[in-house]
Structure formats: C-alpha cells, structure tokens
Amino acid sequence: MLYAIISEDKPDSLQRRKNTRPFHLARLQVLQNEGRLLLAGPHPAIDSDDPGEAGFTGSLVVAEFDDLQSARIWAEADPYIEADVYANVTVKPFRKVLP
C-alpha cells in the first residue's frame, strides 16, 4: 500500500537540511531503485522553485510499504530527524486515484 510521509521543518533548520540532504536523498534513491517511490520533494517556504534563504517548510514522500508500521519505522530513521531538521512527521495511508 502507499503511504504519505508529511514532514514539517523546524524554524531556522535550513543549514542543517542542506548539510544532511545527501544522506536523505540516498535513502529515497533506495526506494526509487526498488520501484516503491511514487514522489518525493520539499515544500518551499515561498512560491518559488528555488526559495534561496527562505528555505523550506517541510517535505512530502509518497511510497509503497508493507504496512503502516513499516512506513513509520522508515520515516523515523530519516537523517533529517537525527539532524534536528524536522519538528513533526505524520505518516498515513494514501490511495492514489489520478493520474
């Protein structure tokens, strides 16, 4: 089943996010290589593809996991959590309708 992992950044976490990004992306690449990643990306803090120093307010990952518990365990191991980037992470089932 698909699960949405919705993360919210802590204030003033942009530099920690930048420093940790390669490790975060490496984990997403594993999901992609396994054919389990539907989409992933950050939420810019402003209406721009490149928000610069405005940074990001969080991230969204939609991926396939065996069950909700597996998705939660995967989300809790995100390098952004260890780097103190995320203030909150919500994991919930997701049903793709379109396209």
PDB file of N, CA and C in Angstrom:
ATOM      1  N   MET A   1       0.846  -1.182   0.000  1.00  0.00           N
ATOM      2  CA  MET A   1       0.000   0.000   0.000  1.00  0.00           C
ATOM      3  C   MET A   1       0.883   1.234   0.000  1.00  0.00           C
ATOM      4  N   LEU A   2       0.323   2.332  -0.502  1.00  0.00           N
ATOM      5  CA  LEU A   2       1.047   3.602  -0.488  1.00  0.00           C
ATOM      6  C   LEU A   2       0.815   4.330   0.826  1.00  0.00           C
ATOM      7  N   TYR A   3       1.840   5.065   1.236  1.00  0.00           N
ATOM      8  CA  TYR A   3       1.771   5.875   2.456  1.00  0.00           C
ATOM      9  C   TYR A   3       2.353   7.247   2.178  1.00  0.00           C
ATOM     10  N   ALA A   4       1.704   8.277   2.737  1.00  0.00           N
ATOM     11  CA  ALA A   4       2.203   9.640   2.651  1.00  0.00           C
ATOM     12  C   ALA A   4       2.967   9.954   3.930  1.00  0.00           C
ATOM     13  N   ILE A   5       4.175  10.443   3.763  1.00  0.00           N
ATOM     14  CA  ILE A   5       5.012  10.866   4.883  1.00  0.00           C
ATOM     15  C   ILE A   5       5.143  12.370   4.763  1.00  0.00           C
ATOM     16  N   ILE A   6       4.486  13.076   5.676  1.00  0.00           N
ATOM     17  CA  ILE A   6       4.400  14.534   5.628  1.00  0.00           C
ATOM     18  C   ILE A   6       5.218  15.086   6.787  1.00  0.00           C
ATOM     19  N   SER A   7       6.276  15.804   6.459  1.00  0.00           N
ATOM     20  CA  SER A   7       7.199  16.296   7.479  1.00  0.00           C
ATOM     21  C   SER A   7       7.196  17.812   7.504  1.00  0.00           C
ATOM     22  N   GLU A   8       7.316  18.363   8.699  1.00  0.00           N
ATOM     23  CA  GLU A   8       7.379  19.813   8.886  1.00  0.00           C
ATOM     24  C   GLU A   8       8.744  20.178   9.457  1.00  0.00           C
ATOM     25  N   ASP A   9       9.379  21.173   8.834  1.00  0.00           N
ATOM     26  CA  ASP A   9      10.693  21.614   9.297  1.00  0.00           C
ATOM     27  C   ASP A   9      10.596  22.494  10.534  1.00  0.00           C
ATOM     28  N   LYS A  10      11.644  22.429  11.346  1.00  0.00           N
ATOM     29  CA  LYS A  10      11.786  23.351  12.470  1.00  0.00           C
ATOM     30  C   LYS A  10      12.224  24.705  11.921  1.00  0.00           C
ATOM     31  N   PRO A  11      11.905  25.784  12.617  1.00  0.00           N
ATOM     32  CA  PRO A  11      12.408  27.095  12.195  1.00  0.00           C
ATOM     33  C   PRO A  11      13.941  27.091  12.197  1.00  0.00           C
ATOM     34  N   ASP A  12      14.510  27.844  11.294  1.00  0.00           N
ATOM     35  CA  ASP A  12      15.963  28.021  11.217  1.00  0.00           C
ATOM     36  C   ASP A  12      16.722  26.708  11.046  1.00  0.00           C
ATOM     37  N   SER A  13      16.165  25.789  10.289  1.00  0.00           N
ATOM     38  CA  SER A  13      16.814  24.490  10.086  1.00  0.00           C
ATOM     39  C   SER A  13      17.433  24.345   8.690  1.00  0.00           C
ATOM     40  N   LEU A  14      17.449  25.414   7.904  1.00  0.00           N
ATOM     41  CA  LEU A  14      17.900  25.323   6.517  1.00  0.00           C
ATOM     42  C   LEU A  14      19.331  24.796   6.401  1.00  0.00           C
ATOM     43  N   GLN A  15      20.248  25.293   7.193  1.00  0.00           N
ATOM     44  CA  GLN A  15      21.633  24.833   7.070  1.00  0.00           C
ATOM     45  C   GLN A  15      21.763  23.359   7.444  1.00  0.00           C
ATOM     46  N   ARG A  16      21.043  22.926   8.464  1.00  0.00           N
ATOM     47  CA  ARG A  16      21.066  21.510   8.833  1.00  0.00           C
ATOM     48  C   ARG A  16      20.478  20.661   7.705  1.00  0.00           C
ATOM     49  N   ARG A  17      19.424  21.181   7.079  1.00  0.00           N
ATOM     50  CA  ARG A  17      18.800  20.492   5.940  1.00  0.00           C
ATOM     51  C   ARG A  17      19.819  20.347   4.808  1.00  0.00           C
ATOM     52  N   LYS A  18      20.493  21.433   4.481  1.00  0.00           N
ATOM     53  CA  LYS A  18      21.482  21.396   3.393  1.00  0.00           C
ATOM     54  C   LYS A  18      22.609  20.407   3.695  1.00  0.00           C
ATOM     55  N   ASN A  19      23.086  20.411   4.924  1.00  0.00           N
ATOM     56  CA  ASN A  19      24.191  19.533   5.301  1.00  0.00           C
ATOM     57  C   ASN A  19      23.805  18.060   5.245  1.00  0.00           C
ATOM     58  N   THR A  20      22.552  17.764   5.512  1.00  0.00           N
ATOM     59  CA  THR A  20      22.084  16.382   5.632  1.00  0.00           C
ATOM     60  C   THR A  20      21.445  15.868   4.348  1.00  0.00           C
ATOM     61  N   ARG A  21      21.183  16.741   3.413  1.00  0.00           N
ATOM     62  CA  ARG A  21      20.446  16.385   2.192  1.00  0.00           C
ATOM     63  C   ARG A  21      21.021  15.174   1.451  1.00  0.00           C
ATOM     64  N   PRO A  22      22.328  15.036   1.271  1.00  0.00           N
ATOM     65  CA  PRO A  22      22.836  13.866   0.540  1.00  0.00           C
ATOM     66  C   PRO A  22      22.427  12.535   1.185  1.00  0.00           C
ATOM     67  N   PHE A  23      22.398  12.483   2.503  1.00  0.00           N
ATOM     68  CA  PHE A  23      22.016  11.260   3.220  1.00  0.00           C
ATOM     69  C   PHE A  23      20.517  10.989   3.088  1.00  0.00           C
ATOM     70  N   HIS A  24      19.735  12.061   3.150  1.00  0.00           N
ATOM     71  CA  HIS A  24      18.288  11.969   2.967  1.00  0.00           C
ATOM     72  C   HIS A  24      17.971  11.449   1.556  1.00  0.00           C
ATOM     73  N   LEU A  25      18.626  12.017   0.554  1.00  0.00           N
ATOM     74  CA  LEU A  25      18.385  11.610  -0.831  1.00  0.00           C
ATOM     75  C   LEU A  25      18.832  10.176  -1.099  1.00  0.00           C
ATOM     76  N   ALA A  26      19.899   9.739  -0.452  1.00  0.00           N
ATOM     77  CA  ALA A  26      20.377   8.364  -0.642  1.00  0.00           C
ATOM     78  C   ALA A  26      19.309   7.358  -0.219  1.00  0.00           C
ATOM     79  N   ARG A  27      18.609   7.632   0.871  1.00  0.00           N
ATOM     80  CA  ARG A  27      17.536   6.732   1.318  1.00  0.00           C
ATOM     81  C   ARG A  27      16.372   6.723   0.330  1.00  0.00           C
ATOM     82  N   LEU A  28      16.050   7.891  -0.213  1.00  0.00           N
ATOM     83  CA  LEU A  28      14.988   7.966  -1.207  1.00  0.00           C
ATOM     84  C   LEU A  28      15.383   7.228  -2.480  1.00  0.00           C
ATOM     85  N   GLN A  29      16.656   7.293  -2.828  1.00  0.00           N
ATOM     86  CA  GLN A  29      17.133   6.606  -4.027  1.00  0.00           C
ATOM     87  C   GLN A  29      16.952   5.094  -3.903  1.00  0.00           C
ATOM     88  N   VAL A  30      17.123   4.569  -2.701  1.00  0.00           N
ATOM     89  CA  VAL A  30      16.898   3.133  -2.480  1.00  0.00           C
ATOM     90  C   VAL A  30      15.442   2.784  -2.784  1.00  0.00           C
ATOM     91  N   LEU A  31      14.506   3.589  -2.275  1.00  0.00           N
ATOM     92  CA  LEU A  31      13.090   3.350  -2.575  1.00  0.00           C
ATOM     93  C   LEU A  31      12.839   3.433  -4.078  1.00  0.00           C
ATOM     94  N   GLN A  32      13.458   4.411  -4.722  1.00  0.00           N
ATOM     95  CA  GLN A  32      13.292   4.572  -6.176  1.00  0.00           C
ATOM     96  C   GLN A  32      13.826   3.335  -6.908  1.00  0.00           C
ATOM     97  N   ASN A  33      15.001   2.882  -6.520  1.00  0.00           N
ATOM     98  CA  ASN A  33      15.604   1.719  -7.167  1.00  0.00           C
ATOM     99  C   ASN A  33      14.754   0.461  -6.989  1.00  0.00           C
ATOM    100  N   GLU A  34      14.047   0.383  -5.880  1.00  0.00           N
ATOM    101  CA  GLU A  34      13.169  -0.760  -5.604  1.00  0.00           C
ATOM    102  C   GLU A  34      11.791  -0.609  -6.262  1.00  0.00           C
ATOM    103  N   GLY A  35      11.553   0.524  -6.930  1.00  0.00           N
ATOM    104  CA  GLY A  35      10.275   0.762  -7.584  1.00  0.00           C
ATOM    105  C   GLY A  35       9.153   1.084  -6.621  1.00  0.00           C
ATOM    106  N   ARG A  36       9.493   1.571  -5.421  1.00  0.00           N
ATOM    107  CA  ARG A  36       8.491   1.830  -4.378  1.00  0.00           C
ATOM    108  C   ARG A  36       8.187   3.309  -4.177  1.00  0.00           C
ATOM    109  N   LEU A  37       8.927   4.196  -4.811  1.00  0.00           N
ATOM    110  CA  LEU A  37       8.760   5.637  -4.606  1.00  0.00           C
ATOM    111  C   LEU A  37       7.833   6.218  -5.664  1.00  0.00           C
ATOM    112  N   LEU A  38       6.735   6.816  -5.225  1.00  0.00           N
ATOM    113  CA  LEU A  38       5.813   7.466  -6.151  1.00  0.00           C
ATOM    114  C   LEU A  38       6.240   8.908  -6.398  1.00  0.00           C
ATOM    115  N   LEU A  39       6.559   9.630  -5.317  1.00  0.00           N
ATOM    116  CA  LEU A  39       7.044  11.004  -5.439  1.00  0.00           C
ATOM    117  C   LEU A  39       7.691  11.432  -4.127  1.00  0.00           C
ATOM    118  N   ALA A  40       8.548  12.440  -4.233  1.00  0.00           N
ATOM    119  CA  ALA A  40       9.202  12.988  -3.044  1.00  0.00           C
ATOM    120  C   ALA A  40       9.702  14.382  -3.360  1.00  0.00           C
ATOM    121  N   GLY A  41       9.633  15.249  -2.365  1.00  0.00           N
ATOM    122  CA  GLY A  41      10.166  16.591  -2.543  1.00  0.00           C
ATOM    123  C   GLY A  41       9.838  17.493  -1.377  1.00  0.00           C
ATOM    124  N   PRO A  42      10.515  18.641  -1.339  1.00  0.00           N
ATOM    125  CA  PRO A  42      10.305  19.597  -0.256  1.00  0.00           C
ATOM    126  C   PRO A  42       9.197  20.596  -0.577  1.00  0.00           C
ATOM    127  N   HIS A  43       8.735  21.269   0.461  1.00  0.00           N
ATOM    128  CA  HIS A  43       7.779  22.367   0.330  1.00  0.00           C
ATOM    129  C   HIS A  43       8.547  23.673   0.476  1.00  0.00           C
ATOM    130  N   PRO A  44       8.754  24.425  -0.623  1.00  0.00           N
ATOM    131  CA  PRO A  44       9.443  25.711  -0.498  1.00  0.00           C
ATOM    132  C   PRO A  44       8.649  26.662   0.406  1.00  0.00           C
ATOM    133  N   ALA A  45       9.372  27.469   1.153  1.00  0.00           N
ATOM    134  CA  ALA A  45       8.739  28.418   2.079  1.00  0.00           C
ATOM    135  C   ALA A  45       8.085  29.584   1.344  1.00  0.00           C
ATOM    136  N   ILE A  46       8.490  29.804   0.094  1.00  0.00           N
ATOM    137  CA  ILE A  46       7.897  30.854  -0.731  1.00  0.00           C
ATOM    138  C   ILE A  46       7.502  30.253  -2.077  1.00  0.00           C
ATOM    139  N   ASP A  47       6.749  30.963  -2.851  1.00  0.00           N
ATOM    140  CA  ASP A  47       6.246  30.494  -4.136  1.00  0.00           C
ATOM    141  C   ASP A  47       7.360  30.565  -5.184  1.00  0.00           C
ATOM    142  N   SER A  48       8.303  29.612  -5.083  1.00  0.00           N
ATOM    143  CA  SER A  48       9.457  29.605  -5.980  1.00  0.00           C
ATOM    144  C   SER A  48      10.074  28.212  -6.001  1.00  0.00           C
ATOM    145  N   ASP A  49      10.551  27.792  -7.175  1.00  0.00           N
ATOM    146  CA  ASP A  49      11.262  26.521  -7.259  1.00  0.00           C
ATOM    147  C   ASP A  49      12.562  26.566  -6.463  1.00  0.00           C
ATOM    148  N   ASP A  50      13.174  27.737  -6.398  1.00  0.00           N
ATOM    149  CA  ASP A  50      14.423  27.924  -5.647  1.00  0.00           C
ATOM    150  C   ASP A  50      14.193  29.010  -4.607  1.00  0.00           C
ATOM    151  N   PRO A  51      13.803  28.630  -3.398  1.00  0.00           N
ATOM    152  CA  PRO A  51      13.465  29.636  -2.392  1.00  0.00           C
ATOM    153  C   PRO A  51      14.668  30.310  -1.739  1.00  0.00           C
ATOM    154  N   GLY A  52      15.873  29.887  -2.094  1.00  0.00           N
ATOM    155  CA  GLY A  52      17.064  30.517  -1.531  1.00  0.00           C
ATOM    156  C   GLY A  52      17.067  30.453  -0.016  1.00  0.00           C
ATOM    157  N   GLU A  53      17.387  31.559   0.602  1.00  0.00           N
ATOM    158  CA  GLU A  53      17.488  31.608   2.064  1.00  0.00           C
ATOM    159  C   GLU A  53      16.141  31.517   2.773  1.00  0.00           C
ATOM    160  N   ALA A  54      15.028  31.630   2.019  1.00  0.00           N
ATOM    161  CA  ALA A  54      13.710  31.440   2.634  1.00  0.00           C
ATOM    162  C   ALA A  54      13.547  29.986   3.067  1.00  0.00           C
ATOM    163  N   GLY A  55      14.227  29.089   2.356  1.00  0.00           N
ATOM    164  CA  GLY A  55      14.248  27.689   2.752  1.00  0.00           C
ATOM    165  C   GLY A  55      12.970  26.934   2.467  1.00  0.00           C
ATOM    166  N   PHE A  56      12.711  25.957   3.324  1.00  0.00           N
ATOM    167  CA  PHE A  56      11.609  25.031   3.131  1.00  0.00           C
ATOM    168  C   PHE A  56      10.813  24.890   4.423  1.00  0.00           C
ATOM    169  N   THR A  57       9.567  24.477   4.267  1.00  0.00           N
ATOM    170  CA  THR A  57       8.720  24.284   5.444  1.00  0.00           C
ATOM    171  C   THR A  57       8.516  22.816   5.774  1.00  0.00           C
ATOM    172  N   GLY A  58       9.003  21.934   4.918  1.00  0.00           N
ATOM    173  CA  GLY A  58       8.853  20.508   5.162  1.00  0.00           C
ATOM    174  C   GLY A  58       9.029  19.716   3.891  1.00  0.00           C
ATOM    175  N   SER A  59       8.593  18.455   3.942  1.00  0.00           N
ATOM    176  CA  SER A  59       8.755  17.544   2.816  1.00  0.00           C
ATOM    177  C   SER A  59       7.554  16.618   2.703  1.00  0.00           C
ATOM    178  N   LEU A  60       7.399  16.048   1.512  1.00  0.00           N
ATOM    179  CA  LEU A  60       6.374  15.044   1.267  1.00  0.00           C
ATOM    180  C   LEU A  60       7.018  13.869   0.551  1.00  0.00           C
ATOM    181  N   VAL A  61       6.774  12.678   1.048  1.00  0.00           N
ATOM    182  CA  VAL A  61       7.188  11.436   0.393  1.00  0.00           C
ATOM    183  C   VAL A  61       5.953  10.564   0.280  1.00  0.00           C
ATOM    184  N   VAL A  62       5.716  10.032  -0.906  1.00  0.00           N
ATOM    185  CA  VAL A  62       4.659   9.032  -1.087  1.00  0.00           C
ATOM    186  C   VAL A  62       5.342   7.793  -1.646  1.00  0.00           C
ATOM    187  N   ALA A  63       5.270   6.711  -0.870  1.00  0.00           N
ATOM    188  CA  ALA A  63       5.976   5.492  -1.248  1.00  0.00           C
ATOM    189  C   ALA A  63       5.208   4.265  -0.790  1.00  0.00           C
ATOM    190  N   GLU A  64       5.572   3.129  -1.360  1.00  0.00           N
ATOM    191  CA  GLU A  64       4.929   1.862  -1.028  1.00  0.00           C
ATOM    192  C   GLU A  64       5.675   1.172   0.120  1.00  0.00           C
ATOM    193  N   PHE A  65       4.914   0.717   1.101  1.00  0.00           N
ATOM    194  CA  PHE A  65       5.437  -0.060   2.221  1.00  0.00           C
ATOM    195  C   PHE A  65       4.475  -1.216   2.482  1.00  0.00           C
ATOM    196  N   ASP A  66       4.956  -2.219   3.206  1.00  0.00           N
ATOM    197  CA  ASP A  66       4.118  -3.378   3.507  1.00  0.00           C
ATOM    198  C   ASP A  66       2.923  -3.023   4.378  1.00  0.00           C
ATOM    199  N   ASP A  67       3.135  -2.087   5.312  1.00  0.00           N
ATOM    200  CA  ASP A  67       2.068  -1.686   6.228  1.00  0.00           C
ATOM    201  C   ASP A  67       2.440  -0.364   6.885  1.00  0.00           C
ATOM    202  N   LEU A  68       1.506   0.169   7.649  1.00  0.00           N
ATOM    203  CA  LEU A  68       1.688   1.467   8.283  1.00  0.00           C
ATOM    204  C   LEU A  68       2.893   1.468   9.221  1.00  0.00           C
ATOM    205  N   GLN A  69       3.057   0.404   9.972  1.00  0.00           N
ATOM    206  CA  GLN A  69       4.178   0.327  10.903  1.00  0.00           C
ATOM    207  C   GLN A  69       5.521   0.380  10.160  1.00  0.00           C
ATOM    208  N   SER A  70       5.627  -0.307   9.051  1.00  0.00           N
ATOM    209  CA  SER A  70       6.855  -0.276   8.248  1.00  0.00           C
ATOM    210  C   SER A  70       7.139   1.123   7.725  1.00  0.00           C
ATOM    211  N   ALA A  71       6.087   1.811   7.295  1.00  0.00           N
ATOM    212  CA  ALA A  71       6.252   3.180   6.813  1.00  0.00           C
ATOM    213  C   ALA A  71       6.707   4.097   7.938  1.00  0.00           C
ATOM    214  N   ARG A  72       6.138   3.922   9.130  1.00  0.00           N
ATOM    215  CA  ARG A  72       6.542   4.741  10.282  1.00  0.00           C
ATOM    216  C   ARG A  72       8.000   4.485  10.674  1.00  0.00           C
ATOM    217  N   ILE A  73       8.391   3.224  10.686  1.00  0.00           N
ATOM    218  CA  ILE A  73       9.770   2.890  11.034  1.00  0.00           C
ATOM    219  C   ILE A  73      10.737   3.523  10.029  1.00  0.00           C
ATOM    220  N   TRP A  74      10.398   3.436   8.749  1.00  0.00           N
ATOM    221  CA  TRP A  74      11.247   4.043   7.719  1.00  0.00           C
ATOM    222  C   TRP A  74      11.326   5.560   7.928  1.00  0.00           C
ATOM    223  N   ALA A  75      10.193   6.197   8.172  1.00  0.00           N
ATOM    224  CA  ALA A  75      10.155   7.653   8.349  1.00  0.00           C
ATOM    225  C   ALA A  75      10.960   8.086   9.570  1.00  0.00           C
ATOM    226  N   GLU A  76      10.874   7.327  10.643  1.00  0.00           N
ATOM    227  CA  GLU A  76      11.581   7.683  11.879  1.00  0.00           C
ATOM    228  C   GLU A  76      13.101   7.587  11.741  1.00  0.00           C
ATOM    229  N   ALA A  77      13.573   6.866  10.729  1.00  0.00           N
ATOM    230  CA  ALA A  77      15.013   6.712  10.517  1.00  0.00           C
ATOM    231  C   ALA A  77      15.576   7.737   9.543  1.00  0.00           C
ATOM    232  N   ASP A  78      14.769   8.717   9.152  1.00  0.00           N
ATOM    233  CA  ASP A  78      15.235   9.732   8.206  1.00  0.00           C
ATOM    234  C   ASP A  78      16.388  10.531   8.810  1.00  0.00           C
ATOM    235  N   PRO A  79      17.454  10.747   8.060  1.00  0.00           N
ATOM    236  CA  PRO A  79      18.572  11.549   8.560  1.00  0.00           C
ATOM    237  C   PRO A  79      18.167  12.962   8.987  1.00  0.00           C
ATOM    238  N   TYR A  80      17.111  13.507   8.414  1.00  0.00           N
ATOM    239  CA  TYR A  80      16.662  14.835   8.820  1.00  0.00           C
ATOM    240  C   TYR A  80      16.179  14.843  10.270  1.00  0.00           C
ATOM    241  N   ILE A  81      15.688  13.724  10.764  1.00  0.00           N
ATOM    242  CA  ILE A  81      15.270  13.661  12.164  1.00  0.00           C
ATOM    243  C   ILE A  81      16.501  13.723  13.065  1.00  0.00           C
ATOM    244  N   GLU A  82      17.497  12.908  12.751  1.00  0.00           N
ATOM    245  CA  GLU A  82      18.727  12.917  13.554  1.00  0.00           C
ATOM    246  C   GLU A  82      19.421  14.277  13.508  1.00  0.00           C
ATOM    247  N   ALA A  83      19.310  14.969  12.363  1.00  0.00           N
ATOM    248  CA  ALA A  83      19.944  16.281  12.198  1.00  0.00           C
ATOM    249  C   ALA A  83      19.098  17.415  12.774  1.00  0.00           C
ATOM    250  N   ASP A  84      17.969  17.088  13.372  1.00  0.00           N
ATOM    251  CA  ASP A  84      17.099  18.072  14.010  1.00  0.00           C
ATOM    252  C   ASP A  84      16.502  19.067  13.002  1.00  0.00           C
ATOM    253  N   VAL A  85      16.163  18.557  11.822  1.00  0.00           N
ATOM    254  CA  VAL A  85      15.517  19.382  10.798  1.00  0.00           C
ATOM    255  C   VAL A  85      13.997  19.350  10.981  1.00  0.00           C
ATOM    256  N   TYR A  86      13.448  18.169  11.223  1.00  0.00           N
ATOM    257  CA  TYR A  86      12.005  18.021  11.297  1.00  0.00           C
ATOM    258  C   TYR A  86      11.470  18.268  12.704  1.00  0.00           C
ATOM    259  N   ALA A  87      10.399  19.044  12.772  1.00  0.00           N
ATOM    260  CA  ALA A  87       9.684  19.277  14.024  1.00  0.00           C
ATOM    261  C   ALA A  87       8.612  18.211  14.221  1.00  0.00           C
ATOM    262  N   ASN A  88       8.045  17.745  13.100  1.00  0.00           N
ATOM    263  CA  ASN A  88       6.932  16.808  13.171  1.00  0.00           C
ATOM    264  C   ASN A  88       6.907  15.962  11.899  1.00  0.00           C
ATOM    265  N   VAL A  89       6.565  14.686  12.050  1.00  0.00           N
ATOM    266  CA  VAL A  89       6.415  13.786  10.909  1.00  0.00           C
ATOM    267  C   VAL A  89       5.106  13.024  11.085  1.00  0.00           C
ATOM    268  N   THR A  90       4.261  13.075  10.059  1.00  0.00           N
ATOM    269  CA  THR A  90       2.993  12.359  10.055  1.00  0.00           C
ATOM    270  C   THR A  90       3.045  11.315   8.951  1.00  0.00           C
ATOM    271  N   VAL A  91       2.641  10.099   9.271  1.00  0.00           N
ATOM    272  CA  VAL A  91       2.596   9.014   8.287  1.00  0.00           C
ATOM    273  C   VAL A  91       1.168   8.511   8.234  1.00  0.00           C
ATOM    274  N   LYS A  92       0.612   8.460   7.022  1.00  0.00           N
ATOM    275  CA  LYS A  92      -0.745   7.939   6.896  1.00  0.00           C
ATOM    276  C   LYS A  92      -0.951   7.260   5.548  1.00  0.00           C
ATOM    277  N   PRO A  93      -1.888   6.330   5.505  1.00  0.00           N
ATOM    278  CA  PRO A  93      -2.169   5.649   4.243  1.00  0.00           C
ATOM    279  C   PRO A  93      -2.579   6.647   3.168  1.00  0.00           C
ATOM    280  N   PHE A  94      -2.237   6.291   1.924  1.00  0.00           N
ATOM    281  CA  PHE A  94      -2.533   7.145   0.783  1.00  0.00           C
ATOM    282  C   PHE A  94      -3.087   6.274  -0.335  1.00  0.00           C
ATOM    283  N   ARG A  95      -4.179   6.691  -0.913  1.00  0.00           N
ATOM    284  CA  ARG A  95      -4.753   5.971  -2.039  1.00  0.00           C
ATOM    285  C   ARG A  95      -4.685   6.838  -3.267  1.00  0.00           C
ATOM    286  N   LYS A  96      -3.879   6.424  -4.226  1.00  0.00           N
ATOM    287  CA  LYS A  96      -3.742   7.167  -5.488  1.00  0.00           C
ATOM    288  C   LYS A  96      -4.976   6.938  -6.349  1.00  0.00           C
ATOM    289  N   VAL A  97      -5.571   8.036  -6.805  1.00  0.00           N
ATOM    290  CA  VAL A  97      -6.740   7.958  -7.661  1.00  0.00           C
ATOM    291  C   VAL A  97      -6.380   8.407  -9.076  1.00  0.00           C
ATOM    292  N   LEU A  98      -5.667   9.530  -9.209  1.00  0.00           N
ATOM    293  CA  LEU A  98      -5.280  10.064 -10.504  1.00  0.00           C
ATOM    294  C   LEU A  98      -3.815  10.498 -10.461  1.00  0.00           C
ATOM    295  N   PRO A  99      -3.126  10.588 -11.498  1.00  0.00           N
ATOM    296  CA  PRO A  99      -3.457  10.018 -12.797  1.00  0.00           C
ATOM    297  C   PRO A  99      -3.245   8.534 -12.773  1.00  0.00           C
TER     298      PRO A  99
END
